[in-house]
Protein backbone atom coordinates (compact mmCIF):
# COMPACT_ATOMS: atom_id res chain seq x y z
CA MET A 1 -110.86 50.82 35.93
CA LYS A 2 -113.94 50.36 38.12
CA THR A 3 -114.43 54.14 38.24
CA PHE A 4 -114.30 54.24 34.45
CA ARG A 5 -117.03 51.58 34.18
CA VAL A 6 -119.24 53.45 36.64
CA LEU A 7 -118.73 56.65 34.67
CA ILE A 8 -119.74 54.90 31.42
CA VAL A 9 -122.92 53.51 33.03
CA VAL A 10 -123.86 56.90 34.49
CA LEU A 11 -123.30 58.63 31.14
CA ALA A 12 -125.38 55.99 29.36
CA LEU A 13 -128.26 56.45 31.80
CA ILE A 14 -128.12 60.22 31.48
CA ALA A 15 -127.87 60.15 27.67
CA THR A 16 -130.70 57.65 27.11
CA PRO A 17 -133.61 60.06 27.79
CA VAL A 18 -131.88 62.75 25.74
CA ILE A 19 -131.52 60.43 22.76
CA ALA A 20 -135.10 59.18 23.03
CA SER A 21 -136.57 62.67 23.29
CA ALA A 22 -134.48 63.92 20.33
CA ILE A 23 -136.43 61.82 17.79
CA SER A 24 -138.80 64.07 15.88
CA TYR A 25 -141.76 62.43 14.22
CA SER A 26 -142.46 65.07 11.63
CA ASN A 27 -142.18 64.18 7.96
CA SER A 28 -138.61 63.80 6.73
CA GLY A 29 -139.57 64.53 3.12
CA THR A 30 -140.75 67.72 1.42
CA LEU A 31 -144.52 67.89 0.98
CA VAL A 32 -145.53 67.62 -2.69
CA GLY A 33 -149.26 67.79 -2.01
CA VAL A 34 -152.28 66.35 -0.19
CA TYR A 35 -154.87 64.53 -2.30
CA SER A 36 -158.27 62.93 -1.75
CA GLY A 37 -159.13 59.38 -2.67
CA ASN A 38 -157.60 55.96 -2.37
CA ASP A 39 -155.67 55.44 -5.63
CA THR A 40 -152.23 56.84 -4.81
CA THR A 41 -150.39 55.38 -7.81
CA SER A 42 -152.88 56.75 -10.37
CA THR A 43 -152.55 60.20 -8.83
CA LEU A 44 -148.75 59.99 -9.02
CA THR A 45 -148.90 58.83 -12.64
CA SER A 46 -151.23 61.72 -13.55
CA LEU A 47 -148.72 64.12 -11.95
CA GLY A 48 -145.97 62.73 -14.18
CA TYR A 49 -144.16 60.47 -11.69
CA ASP A 50 -142.81 57.04 -12.63
CA THR A 51 -144.51 54.53 -10.34
CA SER A 52 -143.08 51.35 -11.81
CA ASP A 53 -141.10 50.51 -8.65
CA TYR A 54 -143.04 50.94 -5.43
CA VAL A 55 -143.51 49.13 -2.13
CA LYS A 56 -146.76 49.44 -0.19
CA LEU A 57 -147.39 48.29 3.38
CA ASP A 58 -151.00 48.20 4.57
CA LEU A 59 -151.75 48.26 8.28
CA PRO A 60 -154.51 46.07 9.70
CA GLY A 61 -157.83 47.80 10.41
CA THR A 62 -156.86 48.43 14.03
CA PRO A 63 -153.07 48.29 14.40
CA SER A 64 -152.07 46.59 17.64
CA GLY A 65 -148.28 46.47 17.37
CA THR A 66 -145.61 49.13 17.25
CA SER A 67 -143.92 47.82 14.09
CA TYR A 68 -144.98 46.16 10.83
CA THR A 69 -142.89 44.85 7.93
CA ASN A 70 -143.36 43.06 4.63
CA GLY A 71 -139.69 42.07 4.32
CA THR A 72 -138.77 45.11 2.23
CA LEU A 73 -140.46 48.01 4.02
CA THR A 74 -140.70 48.44 7.80
CA ILE A 75 -142.80 51.07 9.55
CA SER A 76 -143.04 51.71 13.26
CA SER A 77 -144.87 54.03 15.63
CA ASP A 78 -144.79 54.82 19.33
CA ASP A 79 -147.81 57.13 19.36
CA ASN A 80 -150.73 54.96 18.19
CA TRP A 81 -149.91 55.27 14.45
CA TYR A 82 -150.13 59.05 14.02
CA SER A 83 -146.38 59.36 13.35
CA GLY A 84 -143.30 57.17 13.31
CA LEU A 85 -140.33 55.83 11.39
CA TRP A 86 -139.97 54.07 8.03
CA SER A 87 -137.05 52.09 6.61
CA LEU A 88 -136.45 50.21 3.39
CA ILE A 89 -133.74 47.93 1.98
CA TYR A 90 -132.95 50.47 -0.79
CA SER A 91 -133.23 54.23 -1.30
CA VAL A 92 -136.38 55.89 -2.61
CA ASN A 93 -137.27 59.32 -3.99
CA TYR A 94 -140.87 59.58 -2.70
CA TYR A 95 -143.09 58.23 0.03
CA ILE A 96 -146.84 58.46 0.52
CA VAL A 97 -148.63 58.64 3.86
CA LYS A 98 -152.28 57.50 3.62
CA ALA A 99 -154.84 58.16 6.36
CA SER A 100 -158.62 58.10 6.09
CA ASN A 101 -159.65 59.10 2.54
CA GLN A 102 -156.63 61.33 1.90
CA PHE A 103 -152.95 60.90 1.27
CA ALA A 104 -149.88 63.12 1.26
CA ILE A 105 -146.93 62.73 -1.13
CA TYR A 106 -143.43 63.63 0.06
CA ALA A 107 -140.26 64.03 -2.00
CA VAL A 108 -137.02 62.67 -0.54
CA ASN A 109 -133.99 64.53 -1.91
CA PRO A 110 -131.41 63.13 -1.84
CA ALA A 111 -132.94 59.66 -2.01
CA SER A 112 -132.95 57.81 1.30
CA SER A 113 -133.66 54.35 2.68
CA SER A 114 -135.18 55.62 5.94
CA GLY A 115 -137.03 58.56 7.42
CA THR A 116 -139.89 59.74 9.56
CA TRP A 117 -143.59 59.96 8.70
CA SER A 118 -146.58 61.76 10.17
CA THR A 119 -150.27 62.15 9.36
CA SER A 120 -150.13 65.81 10.46
CA ASP A 121 -150.55 67.16 6.90
CA ILE A 122 -153.68 65.05 6.38
CA ASP A 123 -156.70 66.69 8.01
CA GLY A 124 -154.55 68.08 10.82
CA GLY A 125 -153.33 64.66 11.93
CA LYS A 126 -156.75 63.49 13.17
CA HIS A 127 -156.51 60.04 11.53
CA GLN A 128 -154.20 57.07 12.04
CA LEU A 129 -151.97 55.75 9.28
CA SER A 130 -153.74 53.44 6.84
CA HIS A 131 -150.72 52.54 4.72
CA LEU A 132 -147.35 53.84 3.66
CA THR A 133 -146.01 53.56 0.11
CA THR A 134 -142.45 54.20 -1.03
CA ILE A 135 -141.55 54.92 -4.64
CA ASP A 136 -138.24 54.72 -6.46
CA ALA A 137 -138.70 57.16 -9.33
CA GLY A 138 -136.28 55.26 -11.53
CA GLU A 139 -133.49 57.77 -11.20
CA THR A 140 -130.63 55.32 -11.62
CA PRO A 141 -127.07 56.30 -12.38
CA PRO A 142 -125.98 56.02 -16.02
CA PRO A 143 -124.52 52.64 -17.05
CA VAL A 144 -120.76 52.15 -16.97
CA PRO A 145 -119.39 52.12 -20.53
CA GLU A 146 -117.67 48.72 -20.36
CA PRO A 147 -116.79 48.36 -24.08
CA ALA A 148 -115.10 51.77 -24.12
CA THR A 149 -113.13 50.89 -20.99
CA PHE A 150 -111.82 47.69 -22.56
CA ILE A 151 -110.93 49.48 -25.81
CA LEU A 152 -108.91 52.08 -23.90
CA LEU A 153 -107.17 49.41 -21.83
CA GLY A 154 -106.45 47.30 -24.92
CA GLY A 155 -105.15 50.32 -26.85
CA GLY A 156 -102.82 51.16 -23.97
CA LEU A 157 -101.47 47.61 -23.82
CA VAL A 158 -100.91 47.53 -27.60
CA GLY A 159 -99.12 50.89 -27.34
CA LEU A 160 -96.88 49.55 -24.57
CA ALA A 161 -96.09 46.45 -26.63
CA PHE A 162 -95.04 48.56 -29.66
CA TYR A 163 -92.99 50.84 -27.43
CA ARG A 164 -91.19 47.87 -25.86
CA ARG A 165 -90.59 46.30 -29.26
CA ARG A 166 -89.15 49.57 -30.53
CA GLN A 167 -86.86 49.83 -27.51
CA LYS A 168 -85.38 46.36 -28.24
CA LYS A 169 -84.33 47.32 -31.79
């Protein structure tokens, strides 16, 4: 049993650097485009995207920590805010990486509640992250037809009642 424990500890120590080095901080979404300016939601609206449900997390002027959250969106970085991870409490279809006076829009398909971000598509990655915005494009599943379900269930029960009544006669 002691040998087994030692083996587990050795494997954990060997695997830890492998796991840590396997994280790639490139963008997990597909690049839609890079745009100039500061108004990300107006640009998305002009491109035809629904921006009614978005979450934005601004970083302080000089970020000092490795993780920031607003309760819904969490972003983190290990390389001085040039790339990192993002996570959300629900899935989104798009995210926007803003650095300097430019921003890049990425599509997430299928929708996801986490991913990686990088400023590499914005001016060659020369600027730190300013803020990250996630957008749920409103692609919700169709509503469940409750009245039709109850009508079918009720019709089946009525049919069973008539069948039973007929069997008694």
